Amino acid sequence: MSAGFAVIVAFVIKPESRAAFMALLRENAQLSLARERDCRRFDIIEPAQRPDEVWLYEIYANPGAFDDHLKAPHFLRFDAATREMITSKTVVAGGLEEYDRP
């Protein structure tokens, strides 16, 4: 049984845009969790050895909830505002299985 729908996003950010990008990303994460009932998790990862990259780990109740996220006003604002700040973006998504410790 699926425990949800996971999304991993990897951004490569222009160095001069990092501070502005991070502020907009944090706002998007907070609004996603606050306004989207089926957004269960929204983590921001800043890899220590890759200062030009930012990764996201998001969990939604189902694929439709992620589709709703992509249409949410706060996401659309974030996407438009950051488009010129990034050099590349990779999105990988799929069903999530969770396991508890025995």
PDB file of N, CA and C in Angstrom:
ATOM      1  N   MET A   1       0.842  -1.180   0.000  1.00  0.00           N
ATOM      2  CA  MET A   1       0.000   0.000   0.000  1.00  0.00           C
ATOM      3  C   MET A   1       0.889   1.246   0.000  1.00  0.00           C
ATOM      4  N   SER A   2       0.551   2.212  -0.812  1.00  0.00           N
ATOM      5  CA  SER A   2       1.323   3.447  -0.889  1.00  0.00           C
ATOM      6  C   SER A   2       1.095   4.311   0.343  1.00  0.00           C
ATOM      7  N   ALA A   3       2.176   4.859   0.832  1.00  0.00           N
ATOM      8  CA  ALA A   3       2.105   5.754   1.984  1.00  0.00           C
ATOM      9  C   ALA A   3       2.075   7.210   1.544  1.00  0.00           C
ATOM     10  N   GLY A   4       2.002   7.435   0.259  1.00  0.00           N
ATOM     11  CA  GLY A   4       1.970   8.794  -0.243  1.00  0.00           C
ATOM     12  C   GLY A   4       2.702   8.911  -1.561  1.00  0.00           C
ATOM     13  N   PHE A   5       2.995  10.126  -1.928  1.00  0.00           N
ATOM     14  CA  PHE A   5       3.645  10.437  -3.191  1.00  0.00           C
ATOM     15  C   PHE A   5       4.822  11.348  -2.878  1.00  0.00           C
ATOM     16  N   ALA A   6       6.031  10.890  -3.201  1.00  0.00           N
ATOM     17  CA  ALA A   6       7.244  11.647  -2.886  1.00  0.00           C
ATOM     18  C   ALA A   6       7.761  12.386  -4.107  1.00  0.00           C
ATOM     19  N   VAL A   7       8.291  13.575  -3.863  1.00  0.00           N
ATOM     20  CA  VAL A   7       8.871  14.395  -4.919  1.00  0.00           C
ATOM     21  C   VAL A   7      10.242  14.858  -4.444  1.00  0.00           C
ATOM     22  N   ILE A   8      11.235  14.662  -5.303  1.00  0.00           N
ATOM     23  CA  ILE A   8      12.584  15.144  -5.025  1.00  0.00           C
ATOM     24  C   ILE A   8      12.932  16.125  -6.135  1.00  0.00           C
ATOM     25  N   VAL A   9      13.358  17.314  -5.748  1.00  0.00           N
ATOM     26  CA  VAL A   9      13.717  18.350  -6.712  1.00  0.00           C
ATOM     27  C   VAL A   9      15.154  18.764  -6.439  1.00  0.00           C
ATOM     28  N   ALA A  10      15.955  18.857  -7.489  1.00  0.00           N
ATOM     29  CA  ALA A  10      17.328  19.340  -7.369  1.00  0.00           C
ATOM     30  C   ALA A  10      17.471  20.603  -8.216  1.00  0.00           C
ATOM     31  N   PHE A  11      17.795  21.708  -7.553  1.00  0.00           N
ATOM     32  CA  PHE A  11      18.023  22.982  -8.236  1.00  0.00           C
ATOM     33  C   PHE A  11      19.522  23.268  -8.275  1.00  0.00           C
ATOM     34  N   VAL A  12      19.994  23.836  -9.363  1.00  0.00           N
ATOM     35  CA  VAL A  12      21.307  24.460  -9.403  1.00  0.00           C
ATOM     36  C   VAL A  12      21.030  25.957  -9.510  1.00  0.00           C
ATOM     37  N   ILE A  13      21.548  26.702  -8.532  1.00  0.00           N
ATOM     38  CA  ILE A  13      21.223  28.124  -8.376  1.00  0.00           C
ATOM     39  C   ILE A  13      22.387  28.998  -8.832  1.00  0.00           C
ATOM     40  N   LYS A  14      22.091  30.103  -9.481  1.00  0.00           N
ATOM     41  CA  LYS A  14      23.122  31.084  -9.815  1.00  0.00           C
ATOM     42  C   LYS A  14      23.640  31.666  -8.501  1.00  0.00           C
ATOM     43  N   PRO A  15      24.964  31.716  -8.311  1.00  0.00           N
ATOM     44  CA  PRO A  15      25.521  32.164  -7.016  1.00  0.00           C
ATOM     45  C   PRO A  15      24.995  33.524  -6.553  1.00  0.00           C
ATOM     46  N   GLU A  16      24.838  34.442  -7.463  1.00  0.00           N
ATOM     47  CA  GLU A  16      24.382  35.792  -7.095  1.00  0.00           C
ATOM     48  C   GLU A  16      22.899  35.819  -6.702  1.00  0.00           C
ATOM     49  N   SER A  17      22.178  34.757  -6.971  1.00  0.00           N
ATOM     50  CA  SER A  17      20.743  34.692  -6.676  1.00  0.00           C
ATOM     51  C   SER A  17      20.409  33.851  -5.452  1.00  0.00           C
ATOM     52  N   ARG A  18      21.403  33.243  -4.831  1.00  0.00           N
ATOM     53  CA  ARG A  18      21.146  32.269  -3.767  1.00  0.00           C
ATOM     54  C   ARG A  18      20.327  32.839  -2.611  1.00  0.00           C
ATOM     55  N   ALA A  19      20.687  33.981  -2.087  1.00  0.00           N
ATOM     56  CA  ALA A  19      19.973  34.541  -0.922  1.00  0.00           C
ATOM     57  C   ALA A  19      18.506  34.807  -1.260  1.00  0.00           C
ATOM     58  N   ALA A  20      18.258  35.423  -2.394  1.00  0.00           N
ATOM     59  CA  ALA A  20      16.873  35.720  -2.792  1.00  0.00           C
ATOM     60  C   ALA A  20      16.106  34.425  -3.056  1.00  0.00           C
ATOM     61  N   PHE A  21      16.757  33.470  -3.718  1.00  0.00           N
ATOM     62  CA  PHE A  21      16.108  32.191  -3.998  1.00  0.00           C
ATOM     63  C   PHE A  21      15.711  31.495  -2.695  1.00  0.00           C
ATOM     64  N   MET A  22      16.622  31.446  -1.740  1.00  0.00           N
ATOM     65  CA  MET A  22      16.349  30.748  -0.481  1.00  0.00           C
ATOM     66  C   MET A  22      15.196  31.406   0.275  1.00  0.00           C
ATOM     67  N   ALA A  23      15.132  32.712   0.276  1.00  0.00           N
ATOM     68  CA  ALA A  23      14.022  33.404   0.953  1.00  0.00           C
ATOM     69  C   ALA A  23      12.686  33.030   0.304  1.00  0.00           C
ATOM     70  N   LEU A  24      12.641  33.026  -1.013  1.00  0.00           N
ATOM     71  CA  LEU A  24      11.409  32.665  -1.722  1.00  0.00           C
ATOM     72  C   LEU A  24      11.067  31.188  -1.525  1.00  0.00           C
ATOM     73  N   LEU A  25      12.082  30.336  -1.506  1.00  0.00           N
ATOM     74  CA  LEU A  25      11.852  28.913  -1.313  1.00  0.00           C
ATOM     75  C   LEU A  25      11.299  28.626   0.084  1.00  0.00           C
ATOM     76  N   ARG A  26      11.870  29.252   1.091  1.00  0.00           N
ATOM     77  CA  ARG A  26      11.376  29.046   2.458  1.00  0.00           C
ATOM     78  C   ARG A  26       9.920  29.500   2.588  1.00  0.00           C
ATOM     79  N   GLU A  27       9.594  30.618   1.961  1.00  0.00           N
ATOM     80  CA  GLU A  27       8.208  31.089   1.986  1.00  0.00           C
ATOM     81  C   GLU A  27       7.286  30.079   1.296  1.00  0.00           C
ATOM     82  N   ASN A  28       7.712  29.545   0.154  1.00  0.00           N
ATOM     83  CA  ASN A  28       6.907  28.559  -0.568  1.00  0.00           C
ATOM     84  C   ASN A  28       6.707  27.303   0.269  1.00  0.00           C
ATOM     85  N   ALA A  29       7.750  26.845   0.932  1.00  0.00           N
ATOM     86  CA  ALA A  29       7.640  25.652   1.784  1.00  0.00           C
ATOM     87  C   ALA A  29       6.637  25.880   2.911  1.00  0.00           C
ATOM     88  N   GLN A  30       6.753  27.020   3.576  1.00  0.00           N
ATOM     89  CA  GLN A  30       5.848  27.319   4.693  1.00  0.00           C
ATOM     90  C   GLN A  30       4.401  27.415   4.220  1.00  0.00           C
ATOM     91  N   LEU A  31       4.169  28.084   3.111  1.00  0.00           N
ATOM     92  CA  LEU A  31       2.808  28.223   2.595  1.00  0.00           C
ATOM     93  C   LEU A  31       2.255  26.893   2.092  1.00  0.00           C
ATOM     94  N   SER A  32       3.106  26.071   1.508  1.00  0.00           N
ATOM     95  CA  SER A  32       2.653  24.756   1.050  1.00  0.00           C
ATOM     96  C   SER A  32       2.147  23.936   2.226  1.00  0.00           C
ATOM     97  N   LEU A  33       2.903  23.916   3.312  1.00  0.00           N
ATOM     98  CA  LEU A  33       2.490  23.157   4.494  1.00  0.00           C
ATOM     99  C   LEU A  33       1.262  23.763   5.166  1.00  0.00           C
ATOM    100  N   ALA A  34       1.168  25.079   5.163  1.00  0.00           N
ATOM    101  CA  ALA A  34       0.054  25.745   5.846  1.00  0.00           C
ATOM    102  C   ALA A  34      -1.250  25.706   5.045  1.00  0.00           C
ATOM    103  N   ARG A  35      -1.155  25.780   3.735  1.00  0.00           N
ATOM    104  CA  ARG A  35      -2.354  25.944   2.914  1.00  0.00           C
ATOM    105  C   ARG A  35      -2.786  24.700   2.144  1.00  0.00           C
ATOM    106  N   GLU A  36      -1.902  23.730   2.021  1.00  0.00           N
ATOM    107  CA  GLU A  36      -2.228  22.527   1.249  1.00  0.00           C
ATOM    108  C   GLU A  36      -2.422  21.366   2.218  1.00  0.00           C
ATOM    109  N   ARG A  37      -3.655  21.002   2.428  1.00  0.00           N
ATOM    110  CA  ARG A  37      -3.988  19.943   3.391  1.00  0.00           C
ATOM    111  C   ARG A  37      -3.253  18.649   3.107  1.00  0.00           C
ATOM    112  N   ASP A  38      -3.033  18.320   1.841  1.00  0.00           N
ATOM    113  CA  ASP A  38      -2.415  17.055   1.473  1.00  0.00           C
ATOM    114  C   ASP A  38      -0.912  17.152   1.225  1.00  0.00           C
ATOM    115  N   CYS A  39      -0.307  18.275   1.568  1.00  0.00           N
ATOM    116  CA  CYS A  39       1.154  18.384   1.576  1.00  0.00           C
ATOM    117  C   CYS A  39       1.601  17.966   2.971  1.00  0.00           C
ATOM    118  N   ARG A  40       2.233  16.821   3.063  1.00  0.00           N
ATOM    119  CA  ARG A  40       2.584  16.246   4.367  1.00  0.00           C
ATOM    120  C   ARG A  40       3.976  16.637   4.854  1.00  0.00           C
ATOM    121  N   ARG A  41       4.875  16.916   3.924  1.00  0.00           N
ATOM    122  CA  ARG A  41       6.261  17.228   4.301  1.00  0.00           C
ATOM    123  C   ARG A  41       6.881  18.076   3.197  1.00  0.00           C
ATOM    124  N   PHE A  42       7.740  19.004   3.606  1.00  0.00           N
ATOM    125  CA  PHE A  42       8.436  19.856   2.639  1.00  0.00           C
ATOM    126  C   PHE A  42       9.781  20.214   3.256  1.00  0.00           C
ATOM    127  N   ASP A  43      10.801  19.446   2.909  1.00  0.00           N
ATOM    128  CA  ASP A  43      12.139  19.643   3.472  1.00  0.00           C
ATOM    129  C   ASP A  43      13.050  20.303   2.456  1.00  0.00           C
ATOM    130  N   ILE A  44      13.904  21.201   2.940  1.00  0.00           N
ATOM    131  CA  ILE A  44      14.907  21.875   2.123  1.00  0.00           C
ATOM    132  C   ILE A  44      16.273  21.360   2.558  1.00  0.00           C
ATOM    133  N   ILE A  45      17.050  20.904   1.600  1.00  0.00           N
ATOM    134  CA  ILE A  45      18.373  20.347   1.877  1.00  0.00           C
ATOM    135  C   ILE A  45      19.407  21.196   1.152  1.00  0.00           C
ATOM    136  N   GLU A  46      20.422  21.636   1.911  1.00  0.00           N
ATOM    137  CA  GLU A  46      21.522  22.402   1.344  1.00  0.00           C
ATOM    138  C   GLU A  46      22.785  21.545   1.435  1.00  0.00           C
ATOM    139  N   PRO A  47      23.148  20.845   0.364  1.00  0.00           N
ATOM    140  CA  PRO A  47      24.301  19.949   0.410  1.00  0.00           C
ATOM    141  C   PRO A  47      25.598  20.698   0.714  1.00  0.00           C
ATOM    142  N   ALA A  48      26.325  20.239   1.715  1.00  0.00           N
ATOM    143  CA  ALA A  48      27.534  20.927   2.172  1.00  0.00           C
ATOM    144  C   ALA A  48      28.597  21.039   1.078  1.00  0.00           C
ATOM    145  N   GLN A  49      28.790  20.005   0.294  1.00  0.00           N
ATOM    146  CA  GLN A  49      29.832  20.017  -0.732  1.00  0.00           C
ATOM    147  C   GLN A  49      29.364  20.588  -2.074  1.00  0.00           C
ATOM    148  N   ARG A  50      28.127  21.048  -2.138  1.00  0.00           N
ATOM    149  CA  ARG A  50      27.588  21.580  -3.394  1.00  0.00           C
ATOM    150  C   ARG A  50      26.869  22.910  -3.112  1.00  0.00           C
ATOM    151  N   PRO A  51      27.636  23.968  -2.896  1.00  0.00           N
ATOM    152  CA  PRO A  51      27.022  25.236  -2.487  1.00  0.00           C
ATOM    153  C   PRO A  51      26.105  25.871  -3.530  1.00  0.00           C
ATOM    154  N   ASP A  52      26.186  25.414  -4.772  1.00  0.00           N
ATOM    155  CA  ASP A  52      25.318  25.970  -5.811  1.00  0.00           C
ATOM    156  C   ASP A  52      24.025  25.172  -5.971  1.00  0.00           C
ATOM    157  N   GLU A  53      23.839  24.130  -5.129  1.00  0.00           N
ATOM    158  CA  GLU A  53      22.649  23.290  -5.255  1.00  0.00           C
ATOM    159  C   GLU A  53      21.745  23.393  -4.031  1.00  0.00           C
ATOM    160  N   VAL A  54      20.465  23.181  -4.274  1.00  0.00           N
ATOM    161  CA  VAL A  54      19.452  23.069  -3.226  1.00  0.00           C
ATOM    162  C   VAL A  54      18.543  21.931  -3.639  1.00  0.00           C
ATOM    163  N   TRP A  55      18.244  21.061  -2.691  1.00  0.00           N
ATOM    164  CA  TRP A  55      17.365  19.925  -2.968  1.00  0.00           C
ATOM    165  C   TRP A  55      16.113  20.036  -2.119  1.00  0.00           C
ATOM    166  N   LEU A  56      15.023  19.508  -2.625  1.00  0.00           N
ATOM    167  CA  LEU A  56      13.765  19.449  -1.886  1.00  0.00           C
ATOM    168  C   LEU A  56      13.331  18.002  -1.760  1.00  0.00           C
ATOM    169  N   TYR A  57      12.719  17.697  -0.628  1.00  0.00           N
ATOM    170  CA  TYR A  57      12.079  16.399  -0.419  1.00  0.00           C
ATOM    171  C   TYR A  57      10.677  16.708   0.067  1.00  0.00           C
ATOM    172  N   GLU A  58       9.695  16.382  -0.764  1.00  0.00           N
ATOM    173  CA  GLU A  58       8.306  16.699  -0.466  1.00  0.00           C
ATOM    174  C   GLU A  58       7.484  15.415  -0.455  1.00  0.00           C
ATOM    175  N   ILE A  59       6.505  15.367   0.414  1.00  0.00           N
ATOM    176  CA  ILE A  59       5.584  14.233   0.437  1.00  0.00           C
ATOM    177  C   ILE A  59       4.159  14.763   0.372  1.00  0.00           C
ATOM    178  N   TYR A  60       3.385  14.170  -0.526  1.00  0.00           N
ATOM    179  CA  TYR A  60       1.978  14.510  -0.714  1.00  0.00           C
ATOM    180  C   TYR A  60       1.141  13.258  -0.488  1.00  0.00           C
ATOM    181  N   ALA A  61      -0.123  13.437  -0.227  1.00  0.00           N
ATOM    182  CA  ALA A  61      -1.016  12.305   0.021  1.00  0.00           C
ATOM    183  C   ALA A  61      -1.130  11.393  -1.200  1.00  0.00           C
ATOM    184  N   ASN A  62      -1.079  11.990  -2.389  1.00  0.00           N
ATOM    185  CA  ASN A  62      -1.252  11.235  -3.628  1.00  0.00           C
ATOM    186  C   ASN A  62      -0.788  12.107  -4.798  1.00  0.00           C
ATOM    187  N   PRO A  63      -0.683  11.539  -5.998  1.00  0.00           N
ATOM    188  CA  PRO A  63      -0.247  12.341  -7.145  1.00  0.00           C
ATOM    189  C   PRO A  63      -1.138  13.561  -7.413  1.00  0.00           C
ATOM    190  N   GLY A  64      -2.443  13.436  -7.182  1.00  0.00           N
ATOM    191  CA  GLY A  64      -3.343  14.565  -7.385  1.00  0.00           C
ATOM    192  C   GLY A  64      -3.034  15.734  -6.468  1.00  0.00           C
ATOM    193  N   ALA A  65      -2.603  15.437  -5.253  1.00  0.00           N
ATOM    194  CA  ALA A  65      -2.233  16.500  -4.306  1.00  0.00           C
ATOM    195  C   ALA A  65      -1.006  17.260  -4.814  1.00  0.00           C
ATOM    196  N   PHE A  66      -0.079  16.539  -5.443  1.00  0.00           N
ATOM    197  CA  PHE A  66       1.080  17.223  -6.028  1.00  0.00           C
ATOM    198  C   PHE A  66       0.640  18.068  -7.221  1.00  0.00           C
ATOM    199  N   ASP A  67      -0.264  17.555  -8.034  1.00  0.00           N
ATOM    200  CA  ASP A  67      -0.802  18.345  -9.145  1.00  0.00           C
ATOM    201  C   ASP A  67      -1.450  19.624  -8.626  1.00  0.00           C
ATOM    202  N   ASP A  68      -2.195  19.521  -7.518  1.00  0.00           N
ATOM    203  CA  ASP A  68      -2.812  20.701  -6.905  1.00  0.00           C
ATOM    204  C   ASP A  68      -1.745  21.690  -6.447  1.00  0.00           C
ATOM    205  N   HIS A  69      -0.640  21.173  -5.894  1.00  0.00           N
ATOM    206  CA  HIS A  69       0.462  22.034  -5.453  1.00  0.00           C
ATOM    207  C   HIS A  69       0.992  22.862  -6.623  1.00  0.00           C
ATOM    208  N   LEU A  70       1.134  22.226  -7.776  1.00  0.00           N
ATOM    209  CA  LEU A  70       1.674  22.920  -8.951  1.00  0.00           C
ATOM    210  C   LEU A  70       0.742  24.010  -9.475  1.00  0.00           C
ATOM    211  N   LYS A  71      -0.515  23.999  -9.042  1.00  0.00           N
ATOM    212  CA  LYS A  71      -1.489  25.011  -9.450  1.00  0.00           C
ATOM    213  C   LYS A  71      -1.752  26.047  -8.367  1.00  0.00           C
ATOM    214  N   ALA A  72      -1.181  25.842  -7.178  1.00  0.00           N
ATOM    215  CA  ALA A  72      -1.437  26.741  -6.038  1.00  0.00           C
ATOM    216  C   ALA A  72      -0.831  28.118  -6.314  1.00  0.00           C
ATOM    217  N   PRO A  73      -1.544  29.183  -5.941  1.00  0.00           N
ATOM    218  CA  PRO A  73      -1.037  30.538  -6.191  1.00  0.00           C
ATOM    219  C   PRO A  73       0.356  30.786  -5.622  1.00  0.00           C
ATOM    220  N   HIS A  74       0.636  30.293  -4.416  1.00  0.00           N
ATOM    221  CA  HIS A  74       1.961  30.538  -3.827  1.00  0.00           C
ATOM    222  C   HIS A  74       3.054  29.819  -4.617  1.00  0.00           C
ATOM    223  N   PHE A  75       2.769  28.613  -5.142  1.00  0.00           N
ATOM    224  CA  PHE A  75       3.768  27.929  -5.963  1.00  0.00           C
ATOM    225  C   PHE A  75       3.974  28.663  -7.282  1.00  0.00           C
ATOM    226  N   LEU A  76       2.900  29.092  -7.913  1.00  0.00           N
ATOM    227  CA  LEU A  76       3.019  29.802  -9.195  1.00  0.00           C
ATOM    228  C   LEU A  76       3.838  31.087  -9.036  1.00  0.00           C
ATOM    229  N   ARG A  77       3.642  31.802  -7.922  1.00  0.00           N
ATOM    230  CA  ARG A  77       4.450  33.006  -7.650  1.00  0.00           C
ATOM    231  C   ARG A  77       5.924  32.635  -7.485  1.00  0.00           C
ATOM    232  N   PHE A  78       6.194  31.594  -6.690  1.00  0.00           N
ATOM    233  CA  PHE A  78       7.571  31.136  -6.481  1.00  0.00           C
ATOM    234  C   PHE A  78       8.215  30.747  -7.806  1.00  0.00           C
ATOM    235  N   ASP A  79       7.511  29.957  -8.597  1.00  0.00           N
ATOM    236  CA  ASP A  79       8.046  29.482  -9.868  1.00  0.00           C
ATOM    237  C   ASP A  79       8.393  30.640 -10.791  1.00  0.00           C
ATOM    238  N   ALA A  80       7.507  31.609 -10.903  1.00  0.00           N
ATOM    239  CA  ALA A  80       7.755  32.764 -11.775  1.00  0.00           C
ATOM    240  C   ALA A  80       8.897  33.625 -11.249  1.00  0.00           C
ATOM    241  N   ALA A  81       8.937  33.833  -9.937  1.00  0.00           N
ATOM    242  CA  ALA A  81       9.955  34.715  -9.341  1.00  0.00           C
ATOM    243  C   ALA A  81      11.355  34.116  -9.390  1.00  0.00           C
ATOM    244  N   THR A  82      11.461  32.789  -9.410  1.00  0.00           N
ATOM    245  CA  THR A  82      12.782  32.154  -9.343  1.00  0.00           C
ATOM    246  C   THR A  82      13.283  31.629 -10.688  1.00  0.00           C
ATOM    247  N   ARG A  83      12.474  31.695 -11.679  1.00  0.00           N
ATOM    248  CA  ARG A  83      12.822  31.104 -12.983  1.00  0.00           C
ATOM    249  C   ARG A  83      14.193  31.549 -13.490  1.00  0.00           C
ATOM    250  N   GLU A  84      14.513  32.820 -13.354  1.00  0.00           N
ATOM    251  CA  GLU A  84      15.794  33.341 -13.854  1.00  0.00           C
ATOM    252  C   GLU A  84      16.933  33.146 -12.853  1.00  0.00           C
ATOM    253  N   MET A  85      16.646  32.623 -11.674  1.00  0.00           N
ATOM    254  CA  MET A  85      17.659  32.425 -10.641  1.00  0.00           C
ATOM    255  C   MET A  85      18.336  31.065 -10.723  1.00  0.00           C
ATOM    256  N   ILE A  86      17.753  30.168 -11.492  1.00  0.00           N
ATOM    257  CA  ILE A  86      18.281  28.802 -11.526  1.00  0.00           C
ATOM    258  C   ILE A  86      18.906  28.491 -12.886  1.00  0.00           C
ATOM    259  N   THR A  87      19.912  27.616 -12.866  1.00  0.00           N
ATOM    260  CA  THR A  87      20.514  27.181 -14.129  1.00  0.00           C
ATOM    261  C   THR A  87      19.975  25.828 -14.550  1.00  0.00           C
ATOM    262  N   SER A  88      19.496  25.023 -13.580  1.00  0.00           N
ATOM    263  CA  SER A  88      18.841  23.769 -13.930  1.00  0.00           C
ATOM    264  C   SER A  88      17.953  23.296 -12.789  1.00  0.00           C
ATOM    265  N   LYS A  89      17.000  22.461 -13.157  1.00  0.00           N
ATOM    266  CA  LYS A  89      16.048  21.906 -12.184  1.00  0.00           C
ATOM    267  C   LYS A  89      15.696  20.496 -12.636  1.00  0.00           C
ATOM    268  N   THR A  90      15.830  19.555 -11.720  1.00  0.00           N
ATOM    269  CA  THR A  90      15.482  18.164 -11.998  1.00  0.00           C
ATOM    270  C   THR A  90      14.416  17.728 -11.004  1.00  0.00           C
ATOM    271  N   VAL A  91      13.341  17.123 -11.491  1.00  0.00           N
ATOM    272  CA  VAL A  91      12.251  16.654 -10.638  1.00  0.00           C
ATOM    273  C   VAL A  91      12.092  15.152 -10.846  1.00  0.00           C
ATOM    274  N   VAL A  92      12.067  14.429  -9.731  1.00  0.00           N
ATOM    275  CA  VAL A  92      11.824  12.985  -9.747  1.00  0.00           C
ATOM    276  C   VAL A  92      10.685  12.732  -8.769  1.00  0.00           C
ATOM    277  N   ALA A  93       9.672  11.972  -9.192  1.00  0.00           N
ATOM    278  CA  ALA A  93       8.507  11.751  -8.324  1.00  0.00           C
ATOM    279  C   ALA A  93       8.021  10.319  -8.458  1.00  0.00           C
ATOM    280  N   GLY A  94       7.416   9.825  -7.376  1.00  0.00           N
ATOM    281  CA  GLY A  94       6.859   8.490  -7.430  1.00  0.00           C
ATOM    282  C   GLY A  94       6.202   8.088  -6.126  1.00  0.00           C
ATOM    283  N   GLY A  95       5.590   6.920  -6.145  1.00  0.00           N
ATOM    284  CA  GLY A  95       4.921   6.389  -4.967  1.00  0.00           C
ATOM    285  C   GLY A  95       5.902   6.181  -3.816  1.00  0.00           C
ATOM    286  N   LEU A  96       5.420   6.376  -2.618  1.00  0.00           N
ATOM    287  CA  LEU A  96       6.240   6.278  -1.415  1.00  0.00           C
ATOM    288  C   LEU A  96       5.788   5.101  -0.572  1.00  0.00           C
ATOM    289  N   GLU A  97       6.743   4.293  -0.143  1.00  0.00           N
ATOM    290  CA  GLU A  97       6.486   3.229   0.821  1.00  0.00           C
ATOM    291  C   GLU A  97       7.267   3.570   2.082  1.00  0.00           C
ATOM    292  N   GLU A  98       6.615   3.506   3.209  1.00  0.00           N
ATOM    293  CA  GLU A  98       7.282   3.795   4.481  1.00  0.00           C
ATOM    294  C   GLU A  98       7.429   2.505   5.269  1.00  0.00           C
ATOM    295  N   TYR A  99       8.515   2.407   5.986  1.00  0.00           N
ATOM    296  CA  TYR A  99       8.780   1.236   6.804  1.00  0.00           C
ATOM    297  C   TYR A  99       9.119   1.681   8.214  1.00  0.00           C
ATOM    298  N   ASP A 100       8.586   0.983   9.190  1.00  0.00           N
ATOM    299  CA  ASP A 100       8.894   1.252  10.594  1.00  0.00           C
ATOM    300  C   ASP A 100       9.981   0.319  11.050  1.00  0.00           C
ATOM    301  N   ARG A 101      10.693   0.737  12.064  1.00  0.00           N
ATOM    302  CA  ARG A 101      11.694  -0.149  12.662  1.00  0.00           C
ATOM    303  C   ARG A 101      11.005  -1.356  13.255  1.00  0.00           C
ATOM    304  N   PRO A 102      11.638  -2.523  13.111  1.00  0.00           N
ATOM    305  CA  PRO A 102      11.035  -3.738  13.698  1.00  0.00           C
ATOM    306  C   PRO A 102      11.078  -3.696  15.226  1.00  0.00           C
TER     307      PRO A 102
END
